[in-house]
Amino acid sequence: MKRVVVFFAALSLAAATAMAAPPSDKKSKDKEGDKPEASEAGFFKPQSSTSSGSVTVEGRRIDYQAVAGTLVVHAKGWDDAAKKPESDDKEKPAAGAEKNPNAEASMFYVAYFKRGAAPGSRPITFLFNGGPGSSSMWLHMGAFGPRRILTPGDTHLAPAPYRVVNNEFSLLDASDLVFIDAPGTGFSRVAGDDKEKAFFGVDPDATAFCNFVTQFLSKYGRWNSPKYLFGESYGTPRASVMVNELERNNDVDMNGVILLSAVLSFDMGPDAPSNNPGVDIAYQLALPTFAATAWYHHKVSAPELGPFVDAAEHFAMTDYALALAQGANLTDAQRDSIAARLHDFTGLPVDYIKKANLRITGGEFEKTLQDDEDQTTGRLDTRFSGPTLDPLSKSAEYDPQSAAISAAYVAAFNTYVRKDLHYGDGQTYRPTAYDVVSPHWVRTHMPPGGGGGRGGAPVAPPNAANVMPDLADALKYNPELKVFLAGGYYDLATPFMEGIYQMHHLPMPERLQSNIEYHYYQSGHMVYAHEASLKQLHDNVAAFIRKTGHGE
């Protein structure tokens, strides 16, 4: 399968009467309310604030209307036709109450509609970040929204004021955009009995997002538009579960799914593979990223990144794989040979590699690579470095890239959403809500077909969040579905080879592999944090949408 690799040296509405047009240019004064309420009760009814603007994308001006607002979604099992319980008696709930759970989520979104475009034929893309527990602020202000925060270089930004500029790489030239905040994050909130159980988990989270998408399609008359999901990081397993659920349970075929910095099986990640002894694939999949990082920081001797990373990929899946499979049967001579070659690819000391039993986690690599400089290497983007917090620690204790740019994103979005989008007065925006979401998050996932066989008996147990079967089922159920996979060479949160490996192992007919295209860039987890990579990512995604959705 051909993989596209990107390197840089320097780096008329009348014809669509069945479709609802975007909102007017004037501030929306509809019955849903123009200005959000500050009280918690105000979260749990649909709200919106409408504004207008323009963006110049690669020399072309695009006028748009923006809607910042909320839609209310309910927990699985809720029926809008069911009679709501009238009794507050918890001992004797009203009839039907047990089949109509009251937990609900008010999900915040910002939608951008190109003015003058017929909504029936105009593509629409739903975008979200991951975490779980992250808002969509990152994709919004860093990648494809009409305004972009400048975060040049690979070092810590100076404090405010930060620079927000016209985003010449906004995806509005190819598609209307809907940025969605997950329940509990951003301006999204949850309420009701067992609200955490209702929304915080692999499966209930995907159900909430699917509910949001179908509501949005109805509210804005976009059922006949070419439709796309764009997920980053944990957004990639969310998108994989969503696309299958939308197809199978909602009869919504998507034109494409765009996966940025993908992780579909959490057993393959580099963060804690030592907790899963006997399964060594995570060490293999991380090695090419180790190599790219060592090359970037001049810890190895190799003239060009491309051939060096290719060699690391080959070694990882051949000699290194065989050595790890030997376990305790590996001879001393074999161990010495593999350790020497790992040194050549990673720049780590041979003695350290041998002491680690040839198996180095992501956190250990981040802490050790630049130990001689008292520097810790980044996780989300290994181009970044920062002072080591504890020289005696075994693993990295923080992520230098997060430390370097997060404050700029938070300041930029909080200013933009209130000043330009006229939303959020009196409310707190949660860029991340890991403390709210993580303690309750249910990591297991019921694979397709596992919910019940004949007589309702489960035919498969929940797994530890491996959603490869979901994406494969979606491709089999809709053979016209296309997948766009993208990542960065310097991403040690979701190493680029992890995504490739998982795509190559989807349980589906080999012919469907041609539905997947691959793009990789000289950047990290947030590919768009590197401007040259952002331009290429924009151009590649825009081409993908035009090719699969007949966009403009």
Protein backbone atom coordinates (compact mmCIF):
# COMPACT_ATOMS: atom_id res chain seq x y z
CA MET A 1 0.00 0.00 0.00
CA LYS A 2 1.29 3.35 -0.99
CA ARG A 3 1.98 5.76 1.85
CA VAL A 4 2.26 9.49 1.16
CA VAL A 5 5.21 10.94 3.06
CA VAL A 6 5.71 14.69 3.29
CA PHE A 7 9.09 16.24 4.06
CA PHE A 8 10.20 19.87 4.17
CA ALA A 9 13.59 21.32 3.47
CA ALA A 10 13.14 24.27 5.84
CA LEU A 11 10.73 23.83 6.87
CA SER A 12 -28.42 29.07 -5.73
CA LEU A 13 -30.36 28.22 -2.42
CA ALA A 14 -33.63 28.00 -4.32
CA ALA A 15 -32.63 24.69 -5.74
CA ALA A 16 -32.31 23.34 -2.25
CA THR A 17 -35.68 24.26 -0.77
CA ALA A 18 -35.69 21.08 1.27
CA MET A 19 -32.56 22.26 3.06
CA ALA A 20 -32.36 24.90 5.79
CA ALA A 21 -30.08 27.83 4.98
CA PRO A 22 -27.43 29.02 7.40
CA PRO A 23 -28.52 31.70 9.88
CA SER A 24 -28.79 35.35 8.82
CA ASP A 25 -25.97 37.86 9.20
CA LYS A 26 -27.71 39.60 12.10
CA LYS A 27 -27.26 38.46 15.64
CA SER A 28 -29.67 35.57 16.18
CA LYS A 29 -32.70 36.59 18.28
CA ASP A 30 -34.66 33.34 17.91
CA LYS A 31 -36.67 31.66 20.60
CA GLU A 32 -33.71 29.57 21.66
CA GLY A 33 -32.05 32.65 23.09
CA ASP A 34 -29.33 34.86 21.78
CA LYS A 35 -27.29 35.23 24.93
CA PRO A 36 -26.33 32.26 27.07
CA GLU A 37 -27.39 32.21 30.69
CA ALA A 38 -24.76 32.16 33.37
CA SER A 39 -26.67 29.82 35.68
CA GLU A 40 -26.18 26.09 35.45
CA ALA A 41 -29.87 25.69 34.52
CA GLY A 42 -29.14 27.79 31.44
CA PHE A 43 -26.82 25.15 30.09
CA PHE A 44 -29.56 22.60 29.59
CA LYS A 45 -31.58 24.14 26.80
CA PRO A 46 -30.44 24.80 23.23
CA GLN A 47 -28.85 28.21 22.83
CA SER A 48 -27.12 30.07 20.04
CA SER A 49 -25.34 33.26 19.15
CA THR A 50 -24.82 34.11 15.48
CA SER A 51 -22.16 36.33 13.97
CA SER A 52 -20.48 36.84 10.61
CA GLY A 53 -16.95 37.16 9.37
CA SER A 54 -14.51 36.40 6.61
CA VAL A 55 -11.27 34.50 6.23
CA THR A 56 -8.71 34.50 3.45
CA VAL A 57 -7.56 30.97 2.67
CA GLU A 58 -4.47 30.73 0.51
CA GLY A 59 -5.35 34.03 -1.21
CA ARG A 60 -9.11 33.42 -1.57
CA ARG A 61 -11.63 35.34 0.58
CA ILE A 62 -14.44 33.32 2.13
CA ASP A 63 -17.37 35.02 3.87
CA TYR A 64 -19.03 32.94 6.53
CA GLN A 65 -21.64 32.89 9.26
CA ALA A 66 -20.69 31.47 12.64
CA VAL A 67 -23.03 29.94 15.19
CA ALA A 68 -21.81 29.30 18.72
CA GLY A 69 -24.34 27.32 20.69
CA THR A 70 -25.47 24.17 22.42
CA LEU A 71 -27.58 21.13 21.68
CA VAL A 72 -28.93 18.91 24.44
CA VAL A 73 -28.40 15.17 24.14
CA HIS A 74 -29.62 12.43 26.45
CA ALA A 75 -28.34 9.18 27.82
CA LYS A 76 -28.83 5.93 25.97
CA GLY A 77 -32.39 4.64 26.42
CA TRP A 78 -34.01 8.08 26.49
CA ASP A 79 -37.16 8.36 24.35
CA ASP A 80 -38.50 11.80 23.45
CA ALA A 81 -41.95 10.23 22.89
CA ALA A 82 -42.08 8.68 26.35
CA LYS A 83 -44.15 10.33 29.06
CA LYS A 84 -41.89 12.06 31.52
CA PRO A 85 -42.25 10.95 35.12
CA GLU A 86 -44.34 13.32 37.22
CA SER A 87 -43.38 11.88 40.58
CA ASP A 88 -40.35 12.82 42.62
CA ASP A 89 -40.81 9.74 44.78
CA LYS A 90 -37.54 7.87 44.40
CA GLU A 91 -39.00 4.82 46.13
CA LYS A 92 -41.75 4.52 43.53
CA PRO A 93 -40.64 6.00 40.21
CA ALA A 94 -43.32 6.85 37.69
CA ALA A 95 -44.13 4.21 35.07
CA GLY A 96 -41.63 4.26 32.26
CA ALA A 97 -39.08 6.32 34.17
CA GLU A 98 -36.60 3.47 34.24
CA LYS A 99 -36.72 3.39 30.43
CA ASN A 100 -36.25 7.16 30.12
CA PRO A 101 -33.12 8.16 32.06
CA ASN A 102 -32.94 11.83 32.94
CA ALA A 103 -29.20 12.32 32.52
CA GLU A 104 -28.46 14.86 29.81
CA ALA A 105 -25.57 16.72 28.31
CA SER A 106 -25.53 20.23 26.90
CA MET A 107 -22.94 20.00 24.12
CA PHE A 108 -21.27 23.20 22.96
CA TYR A 109 -20.34 23.72 19.32
CA VAL A 110 -19.12 26.38 16.96
CA ALA A 111 -20.32 25.99 13.36
CA TYR A 112 -19.04 27.90 10.35
CA PHE A 113 -21.21 28.10 7.21
CA LYS A 114 -19.88 29.53 3.95
CA ARG A 115 -22.21 32.31 2.77
CA GLY A 116 -23.92 31.80 -0.58
CA ALA A 117 -23.30 28.04 -0.69
CA ALA A 118 -26.23 25.65 -1.18
CA PRO A 119 -26.24 23.53 1.98
CA GLY A 120 -27.47 20.43 0.14
CA SER A 121 -24.24 20.04 -1.80
CA ARG A 122 -21.78 21.73 0.53
CA PRO A 123 -19.68 19.28 2.56
CA ILE A 124 -19.87 19.48 6.34
CA THR A 125 -17.18 18.24 8.71
CA PHE A 126 -17.63 17.52 12.42
CA LEU A 127 -14.36 18.02 14.32
CA PHE A 128 -13.35 17.08 17.85
CA ASN A 129 -10.24 16.52 19.92
CA GLY A 130 -9.76 13.73 22.40
CA GLY A 131 -8.37 13.22 25.88
CA PRO A 132 -10.80 11.83 26.82
CA GLY A 133 -11.54 15.07 28.60
CA SER A 134 -10.34 17.59 26.02
CA SER A 135 -12.30 20.39 24.35
CA SER A 136 -12.05 21.09 20.62
CA MET A 137 -10.15 24.33 21.25
CA TRP A 138 -6.93 22.88 19.84
CA LEU A 139 -8.23 21.99 16.37
CA HIS A 140 -10.32 25.18 16.38
CA MET A 141 -7.57 27.68 17.15
CA GLY A 142 -4.59 25.73 15.87
CA ALA A 143 -5.71 24.04 12.68
CA PHE A 144 -8.90 24.83 10.77
CA GLY A 145 -10.92 27.66 12.33
CA PRO A 146 -10.86 31.09 10.67
CA ARG A 147 -8.47 32.48 13.29
CA ARG A 148 -5.22 30.84 14.36
CA ILE A 149 -2.92 31.26 17.32
CA LEU A 150 0.73 31.63 16.33
CA THR A 151 3.03 29.17 18.08
CA PRO A 152 6.25 29.28 16.10
CA GLY A 153 9.29 27.20 16.92
CA ASP A 154 9.88 24.38 19.38
CA THR A 155 10.45 26.38 22.57
CA HIS A 156 8.31 27.88 25.33
CA LEU A 157 6.32 30.91 24.12
CA ALA A 158 6.72 34.25 25.84
CA PRO A 159 3.69 35.14 28.02
CA ALA A 160 0.73 37.23 26.76
CA PRO A 161 -0.08 39.08 24.64
CA TYR A 162 -0.24 36.28 22.08
CA ARG A 163 -0.78 36.73 18.34
CA VAL A 164 -4.00 35.54 16.71
CA VAL A 165 -4.07 35.90 12.92
CA ASN A 166 -6.20 35.16 9.87
CA ASN A 167 -5.90 31.42 9.25
CA GLU A 168 -4.87 31.05 5.64
CA PHE A 169 -5.11 27.28 6.11
CA SER A 170 -8.70 27.15 7.42
CA LEU A 171 -10.64 24.21 6.00
CA LEU A 172 -13.59 26.49 5.14
CA ASP A 173 -12.46 26.52 1.53
CA ALA A 174 -13.49 22.86 1.24
CA SER A 175 -16.19 22.29 3.86
CA ASP A 176 -18.47 23.86 6.43
CA LEU A 177 -17.09 23.14 9.90
CA VAL A 178 -18.58 22.14 13.26
CA PHE A 179 -16.22 22.07 16.25
CA ILE A 180 -17.75 20.04 19.11
CA ASP A 181 -16.81 19.98 22.79
CA ALA A 182 -17.26 16.61 24.49
CA PRO A 183 -19.62 16.38 27.49
CA GLY A 184 -17.96 17.91 30.53
CA THR A 185 -15.40 19.90 28.52
CA GLY A 186 -15.36 23.44 27.14
CA PHE A 187 -18.83 24.94 27.63
CA SER A 188 -20.41 21.45 27.54
CA ARG A 189 -21.99 20.26 30.79
CA VAL A 190 -23.65 17.09 32.15
CA ALA A 191 -26.51 16.76 34.64
CA GLY A 192 -29.01 14.26 35.99
CA ASP A 193 -28.86 10.94 37.80
CA ASP A 194 -25.74 8.91 37.06
CA LYS A 195 -24.55 11.58 34.65
CA GLU A 196 -20.99 10.29 34.72
CA LYS A 197 -22.10 6.75 33.85
CA ALA A 198 -24.34 8.18 31.12
CA PHE A 199 -21.57 10.04 29.27
CA PHE A 200 -18.09 9.22 30.52
CA GLY A 201 -16.95 6.09 28.74
CA VAL A 202 -16.00 4.82 25.30
CA ASP A 203 -19.49 3.71 24.31
CA PRO A 204 -21.73 6.37 25.98
CA ASP A 205 -19.41 9.11 24.70
CA ALA A 206 -19.76 7.91 21.10
CA THR A 207 -23.54 7.62 21.52
CA ALA A 208 -23.74 11.24 22.74
CA PHE A 209 -21.71 12.46 19.75
CA CYS A 210 -23.90 10.49 17.33
CA ASN A 211 -26.99 12.03 18.96
CA PHE A 212 -25.41 15.45 18.48
CA VAL A 213 -24.64 14.82 14.80
CA THR A 214 -28.16 13.67 13.91
CA GLN A 215 -29.70 16.61 15.80
CA PHE A 216 -27.41 19.02 14.01
CA LEU A 217 -28.25 17.57 10.59
CA SER A 218 -31.95 18.11 11.33
CA LYS A 219 -31.60 21.58 12.86
CA TYR A 220 -29.57 22.96 9.96
CA GLY A 221 -31.03 20.86 7.12
CA ARG A 222 -27.79 19.08 6.27
CA TRP A 223 -28.98 15.50 5.84
CA ASN A 224 -28.12 15.51 2.12
CA SER A 225 -24.71 17.15 2.50
CA PRO A 226 -21.47 15.20 2.05
CA LYS A 227 -20.53 14.38 5.65
CA TYR A 228 -17.18 13.87 7.40
CA LEU A 229 -15.88 13.11 10.86
CA PHE A 230 -12.51 14.54 11.91
CA GLY A 231 -11.05 13.19 15.13
CA GLU A 232 -7.69 13.88 16.69
CA SER A 233 -5.99 11.69 19.31
CA TYR A 234 -8.74 10.05 21.43
CA GLY A 235 -11.03 11.60 18.81
CA THR A 236 -9.85 8.85 16.46
CA PRO A 237 -11.33 5.91 18.43
CA ARG A 238 -14.41 8.08 19.06
CA ALA A 239 -14.78 8.65 15.30
CA SER A 240 -14.27 4.95 14.59
CA VAL A 241 -17.08 3.94 16.96
CA MET A 242 -19.27 6.82 15.74
CA VAL A 243 -19.03 6.04 12.04
CA ASN A 244 -20.13 2.46 12.62
CA GLU A 245 -22.96 3.48 14.96
CA LEU A 246 -24.14 6.22 12.59
CA GLU A 247 -24.24 3.76 9.71
CA ARG A 248 -25.72 0.78 11.51
CA ASN A 249 -28.14 2.42 13.97
CA ASN A 250 -28.96 5.75 12.33
CA ASP A 251 -28.69 5.03 8.57
CA VAL A 252 -26.22 7.88 8.14
CA ASP A 253 -23.47 7.02 5.67
CA MET A 254 -20.43 9.23 5.99
CA ASN A 255 -18.33 10.19 2.99
CA GLY A 256 -15.13 10.04 4.95
CA VAL A 257 -13.42 9.75 8.31
CA ILE A 258 -10.25 11.75 8.98
CA LEU A 259 -8.04 10.38 11.74
CA LEU A 260 -5.23 12.59 13.02
CA SER A 261 -2.70 11.08 15.42
CA ALA A 262 -4.57 7.81 15.64
CA VAL A 263 -4.83 5.20 18.37
CA LEU A 264 -7.45 2.49 17.85
CA SER A 265 -6.07 -0.13 20.22
CA PHE A 266 -4.79 1.09 23.55
CA ASP A 267 -2.69 -2.03 24.13
CA MET A 268 -0.25 -0.73 21.52
CA GLY A 269 0.64 2.61 23.11
CA PRO A 270 4.16 3.50 24.32
CA ASP A 271 3.24 4.98 27.69
CA ALA A 272 3.06 1.84 29.83
CA PRO A 273 3.72 -1.30 27.80
CA SER A 274 5.62 -2.74 30.75
CA ASN A 275 2.23 -3.19 32.44
CA ASN A 276 1.36 -5.66 29.70
CA PRO A 277 4.25 -8.17 29.80
CA GLY A 278 4.46 -10.65 26.96
CA VAL A 279 3.02 -8.19 24.44
CA ASP A 280 5.96 -6.37 22.86
CA ILE A 281 4.36 -4.71 19.83
CA ALA A 282 4.26 -1.30 21.58
CA TYR A 283 8.07 -1.23 21.82
CA GLN A 284 8.37 -1.98 18.10
CA LEU A 285 5.85 0.66 17.03
CA ALA A 286 7.55 3.36 19.12
CA LEU A 287 11.03 2.74 17.74
CA PRO A 288 10.70 4.75 14.48
CA THR A 289 9.53 7.75 16.53
CA PHE A 290 12.49 7.29 18.88
CA ALA A 291 14.72 7.32 15.80
CA ALA A 292 13.14 10.45 14.31
CA THR A 293 13.48 12.22 17.65
CA ALA A 294 17.10 11.21 18.15
CA TRP A 295 17.83 12.48 14.62
CA TYR A 296 16.12 15.82 15.34
CA HIS A 297 18.16 16.36 18.50
CA HIS A 298 21.43 15.30 16.86
CA LYS A 299 21.86 12.23 19.06
CA VAL A 300 22.49 9.92 16.10
CA SER A 301 24.49 10.12 12.93
CA ALA A 302 22.26 10.03 9.84
CA PRO A 303 22.24 12.49 6.94
CA GLU A 304 18.50 12.35 6.11
CA LEU A 305 15.39 11.69 8.20
CA GLY A 306 13.43 9.69 5.60
CA PRO A 307 15.82 6.81 4.94
CA PHE A 308 16.80 6.68 8.62
CA VAL A 309 13.17 6.30 9.75
CA ASP A 310 12.55 3.71 7.03
CA ALA A 311 15.49 1.69 8.33
CA ALA A 312 14.14 1.93 11.88
CA GLU A 313 10.73 0.70 10.70
CA HIS A 314 12.33 -2.30 8.99
CA PHE A 315 14.46 -3.19 12.00
CA ALA A 316 11.48 -2.82 14.36
CA MET A 317 9.41 -5.35 12.45
CA THR A 318 12.19 -7.84 11.69
CA ASP A 319 15.30 -8.36 13.85
CA TYR A 320 13.99 -6.40 16.83
CA ALA A 321 10.64 -8.24 16.73
CA LEU A 322 12.39 -11.62 16.61
CA ALA A 323 14.67 -10.71 19.50
CA LEU A 324 11.81 -9.56 21.71
CA ALA A 325 9.87 -12.73 20.90
CA GLN A 326 12.77 -14.80 22.23
CA GLY A 327 12.30 -13.44 25.72
CA ALA A 328 14.65 -15.17 28.17
CA ASN A 329 15.94 -17.46 25.40
CA LEU A 330 17.87 -14.62 23.79
CA THR A 331 21.61 -15.30 24.02
CA ASP A 332 24.07 -12.79 25.42
CA ALA A 333 25.58 -12.28 21.98
CA GLN A 334 22.18 -11.65 20.44
CA ARG A 335 21.31 -9.23 23.25
CA ASP A 336 24.54 -7.30 22.73
CA SER A 337 23.92 -7.08 18.99
CA ILE A 338 20.34 -5.81 19.35
CA ALA A 339 21.36 -3.32 22.05
CA ALA A 340 24.07 -1.91 19.77
CA ARG A 341 21.61 -1.45 16.93
CA LEU A 342 19.05 0.16 19.25
CA HIS A 343 21.78 2.57 20.31
CA ASP A 344 22.41 3.45 16.67
CA PHE A 345 18.70 4.25 16.17
CA THR A 346 17.95 5.96 19.50
CA GLY A 347 21.20 7.44 20.73
CA LEU A 348 20.56 5.92 24.17
CA PRO A 349 23.54 4.34 25.98
CA VAL A 350 24.02 0.64 25.33
CA ASP A 351 24.23 -0.15 29.05
CA TYR A 352 20.93 1.64 29.65
CA ILE A 353 19.29 -0.30 26.82
CA LYS A 354 20.53 -3.62 28.19
CA LYS A 355 19.47 -2.72 31.72
CA ALA A 356 15.99 -1.99 30.33
CA ASN A 357 15.94 -5.48 28.81
CA LEU A 358 15.79 -3.92 25.31
CA ARG A 359 12.36 -2.51 26.18
CA ILE A 360 12.08 1.27 26.69
CA THR A 361 8.78 3.03 27.36
CA GLY A 362 7.87 6.43 25.96
CA GLY A 363 8.30 8.14 29.30
CA GLU A 364 11.72 6.60 29.84
CA PHE A 365 12.90 7.72 26.42
CA GLU A 366 11.64 11.27 27.02
CA LYS A 367 13.53 11.47 30.30
CA THR A 368 16.75 9.85 29.12
CA LEU A 369 17.44 11.08 25.58
CA GLN A 370 18.77 14.49 26.65
CA ASP A 371 19.84 13.57 30.19
CA ASP A 372 23.33 14.90 29.55
CA GLU A 373 21.80 18.37 29.07
CA ASP A 374 19.35 18.12 32.01
CA GLN A 375 16.58 18.39 29.45
CA THR A 376 13.32 16.41 29.14
CA THR A 377 12.06 15.63 25.65
CA GLY A 378 8.46 16.35 24.69
CA ARG A 379 5.76 13.67 24.47
CA LEU A 380 3.11 15.25 22.24
CA ASP A 381 5.86 16.75 20.12
CA THR A 382 9.38 15.46 20.66
CA ARG A 383 10.89 18.49 18.91
CA PHE A 384 10.22 20.36 22.16
CA SER A 385 12.44 20.16 25.24
CA GLY A 386 12.32 21.62 28.72
CA PRO A 387 14.29 21.56 31.97
CA THR A 388 14.10 18.23 33.76
CA LEU A 389 12.10 18.50 36.97
CA ASP A 390 13.86 15.68 38.82
CA PRO A 391 17.20 14.45 37.47
CA LEU A 392 16.76 11.20 39.42
CA SER A 393 13.32 10.35 38.03
CA LYS A 394 12.90 7.25 35.87
CA SER A 395 10.40 8.80 33.42
CA ALA A 396 9.41 12.25 32.20
CA GLU A 397 7.30 14.11 34.75
CA TYR A 398 5.68 16.62 32.38
CA ASP A 399 5.31 17.37 28.69
CA PRO A 400 7.41 20.32 27.50
CA GLN A 401 5.18 20.97 24.48
CA SER A 402 2.04 21.27 26.63
CA ALA A 403 3.90 23.60 28.95
CA ALA A 404 5.14 25.65 26.00
CA ILE A 405 1.91 26.41 24.11
CA SER A 406 -1.21 25.57 26.19
CA ALA A 407 -1.50 29.01 27.79
CA ALA A 408 -1.53 30.65 24.35
CA TYR A 409 -4.40 28.44 23.15
CA VAL A 410 -6.43 29.05 26.32
CA ALA A 411 -5.98 32.83 26.17
CA ALA A 412 -6.72 32.96 22.43
CA PHE A 413 -9.92 30.94 22.57
CA ASN A 414 -11.34 32.62 25.68
CA THR A 415 -10.85 35.99 24.00
CA TYR A 416 -12.11 34.91 20.58
CA VAL A 417 -15.27 33.09 21.73
CA ARG A 418 -16.45 36.10 23.77
CA LYS A 419 -15.30 38.97 21.56
CA ASP A 420 -15.93 37.54 18.08
CA LEU A 421 -18.53 34.81 18.64
CA HIS A 422 -20.37 36.68 21.45
CA TYR A 423 -20.75 33.60 23.61
CA GLY A 424 -19.74 32.61 27.10
CA ASP A 425 -20.24 35.65 29.32
CA GLY A 426 -20.42 34.45 32.90
CA GLN A 427 -19.40 30.91 32.01
CA THR A 428 -16.17 29.04 32.51
CA TYR A 429 -14.58 27.38 29.53
CA ARG A 430 -12.82 24.11 30.39
CA PRO A 431 -10.01 23.57 27.87
CA THR A 432 -9.45 20.19 29.48
CA ALA A 433 -11.54 18.44 32.11
CA TYR A 434 -9.44 15.41 32.93
CA ASP A 435 -10.15 15.85 36.64
CA VAL A 436 -13.90 15.74 35.92
CA VAL A 437 -13.89 13.00 33.28
CA SER A 438 -11.00 10.64 33.99
CA PRO A 439 -12.05 9.31 37.41
CA HIS A 440 -15.33 8.08 35.92
CA TRP A 441 -14.21 7.05 32.45
CA VAL A 442 -15.13 3.47 31.48
CA ARG A 443 -12.35 2.23 29.23
CA THR A 444 -13.96 -1.04 28.12
CA HIS A 445 -15.80 -1.19 24.81
CA MET A 446 -18.46 -3.53 23.47
CA PRO A 447 -17.31 -4.50 19.96
CA PRO A 448 -19.75 -4.65 17.04
CA GLY A 449 -22.14 -7.57 17.48
CA GLY A 450 -21.16 -7.97 21.11
CA GLY A 451 -24.29 -6.44 22.58
CA GLY A 452 -26.45 -9.49 22.26
CA GLY A 453 -27.01 -12.57 20.17
CA ARG A 454 -30.00 -14.88 20.05
CA GLY A 455 -32.01 -14.37 23.22
CA GLY A 456 -29.98 -11.28 24.10
CA ALA A 457 -26.93 -13.20 25.28
CA PRO A 458 -23.65 -11.39 24.66
CA VAL A 459 -21.67 -12.86 21.81
CA ALA A 460 -18.43 -11.11 22.74
CA PRO A 461 -17.11 -9.56 25.94
CA PRO A 462 -16.18 -5.89 26.24
CA ASN A 463 -12.53 -5.25 25.42
CA ALA A 464 -9.94 -2.78 26.59
CA ALA A 465 -10.87 -0.10 24.08
CA ASN A 466 -9.82 -1.72 20.83
CA VAL A 467 -12.05 -0.14 18.19
CA MET A 468 -10.36 -1.61 15.13
CA PRO A 469 -13.41 -3.90 14.61
CA ASP A 470 -15.70 -0.85 14.56
CA LEU A 471 -13.81 0.90 11.78
CA ALA A 472 -13.51 -2.36 9.85
CA ASP A 473 -17.27 -3.00 10.19
CA ALA A 474 -18.02 0.53 9.00
CA LEU A 475 -15.87 -0.02 5.90
CA LYS A 476 -17.56 -3.37 5.21
CA TYR A 477 -21.08 -2.01 5.79
CA ASN A 478 -20.34 1.00 3.55
CA PRO A 479 -17.64 0.08 1.01
CA GLU A 480 -17.78 3.66 -0.30
CA LEU A 481 -16.46 5.04 3.00
CA LYS A 482 -12.99 6.56 2.73
CA VAL A 483 -10.44 6.96 5.50
CA PHE A 484 -7.71 9.60 5.76
CA LEU A 485 -4.95 8.77 8.24
CA ALA A 486 -2.43 11.41 9.25
CA GLY A 487 0.23 11.83 11.89
CA GLY A 488 3.56 13.36 12.82
CA TYR A 489 7.00 11.78 12.94
CA TYR A 490 7.66 13.48 16.29
CA ASP A 491 4.52 12.24 18.07
CA LEU A 492 5.32 9.99 21.02
CA ALA A 493 1.76 10.01 22.40
CA THR A 494 0.42 8.12 19.37
CA PRO A 495 3.46 7.08 17.31
CA PHE A 496 2.89 7.28 13.58
CA MET A 497 3.73 3.63 12.99
CA GLU A 498 1.03 2.62 15.47
CA GLY A 499 -1.63 4.05 13.15
CA ILE A 500 -0.13 2.36 10.10
CA TYR A 501 0.07 -1.00 11.86
CA GLN A 502 -3.53 -0.82 13.06
CA MET A 503 -4.84 0.10 9.60
CA HIS A 504 -2.94 -2.83 8.10
CA HIS A 505 -4.53 -5.18 10.64
CA LEU A 506 -8.17 -4.13 10.29
CA PRO A 507 -10.30 -7.32 10.10
CA MET A 508 -11.76 -6.77 6.64
CA PRO A 509 -11.24 -7.88 3.01
CA GLU A 510 -7.90 -6.78 1.63
CA ARG A 511 -9.53 -4.89 -1.25
CA LEU A 512 -10.94 -2.37 1.24
CA GLN A 513 -7.41 -1.32 2.16
CA SER A 514 -7.49 0.88 -0.95
CA ASN A 515 -10.12 3.01 0.83
CA ILE A 516 -7.40 4.25 3.22
CA GLU A 517 -4.83 6.92 2.42
CA TYR A 518 -1.81 7.84 4.54
CA HIS A 519 -0.10 11.18 5.17
CA TYR A 520 2.78 11.91 7.55
CA TYR A 521 4.54 15.15 8.43
CA GLN A 522 7.61 16.55 10.16
CA SER A 523 5.62 17.58 13.21
CA GLY A 524 4.19 16.08 16.38
CA HIS A 525 0.82 14.99 17.78
CA MET A 526 -0.65 18.40 16.98
CA VAL A 527 0.62 18.35 13.39
CA TYR A 528 -0.72 21.88 12.88
CA ALA A 529 1.66 23.31 15.49
CA HIS A 530 4.26 23.38 12.71
CA GLU A 531 3.19 25.88 10.03
CA ALA A 532 4.68 24.09 7.01
CA SER A 533 2.98 20.87 8.13
CA LEU A 534 -0.32 22.71 8.69
CA LYS A 535 -0.27 23.93 5.08
CA GLN A 536 0.32 20.41 3.80
CA LEU A 537 -2.32 18.95 6.14
CA HIS A 538 -4.84 21.53 4.92
CA ASP A 539 -4.05 20.85 1.27
CA ASN A 540 -4.23 17.07 1.75
CA VAL A 541 -7.53 17.12 3.71
CA ALA A 542 -9.13 19.63 1.32
CA ALA A 543 -8.17 17.40 -1.62
CA PHE A 544 -9.59 14.36 0.20
CA ILE A 545 -12.94 16.12 0.78
CA ARG A 546 -13.15 17.38 -2.79
CA LYS A 547 -12.32 13.94 -4.13
CA THR A 548 -14.86 12.09 -1.98
CA GLY A 549 -17.63 14.67 -1.56
CA HIS A 550 -17.62 16.69 -4.77
CA GLY A 551 -16.80 19.84 -2.80
CA GLU A 552 -15.97 23.23 -4.19
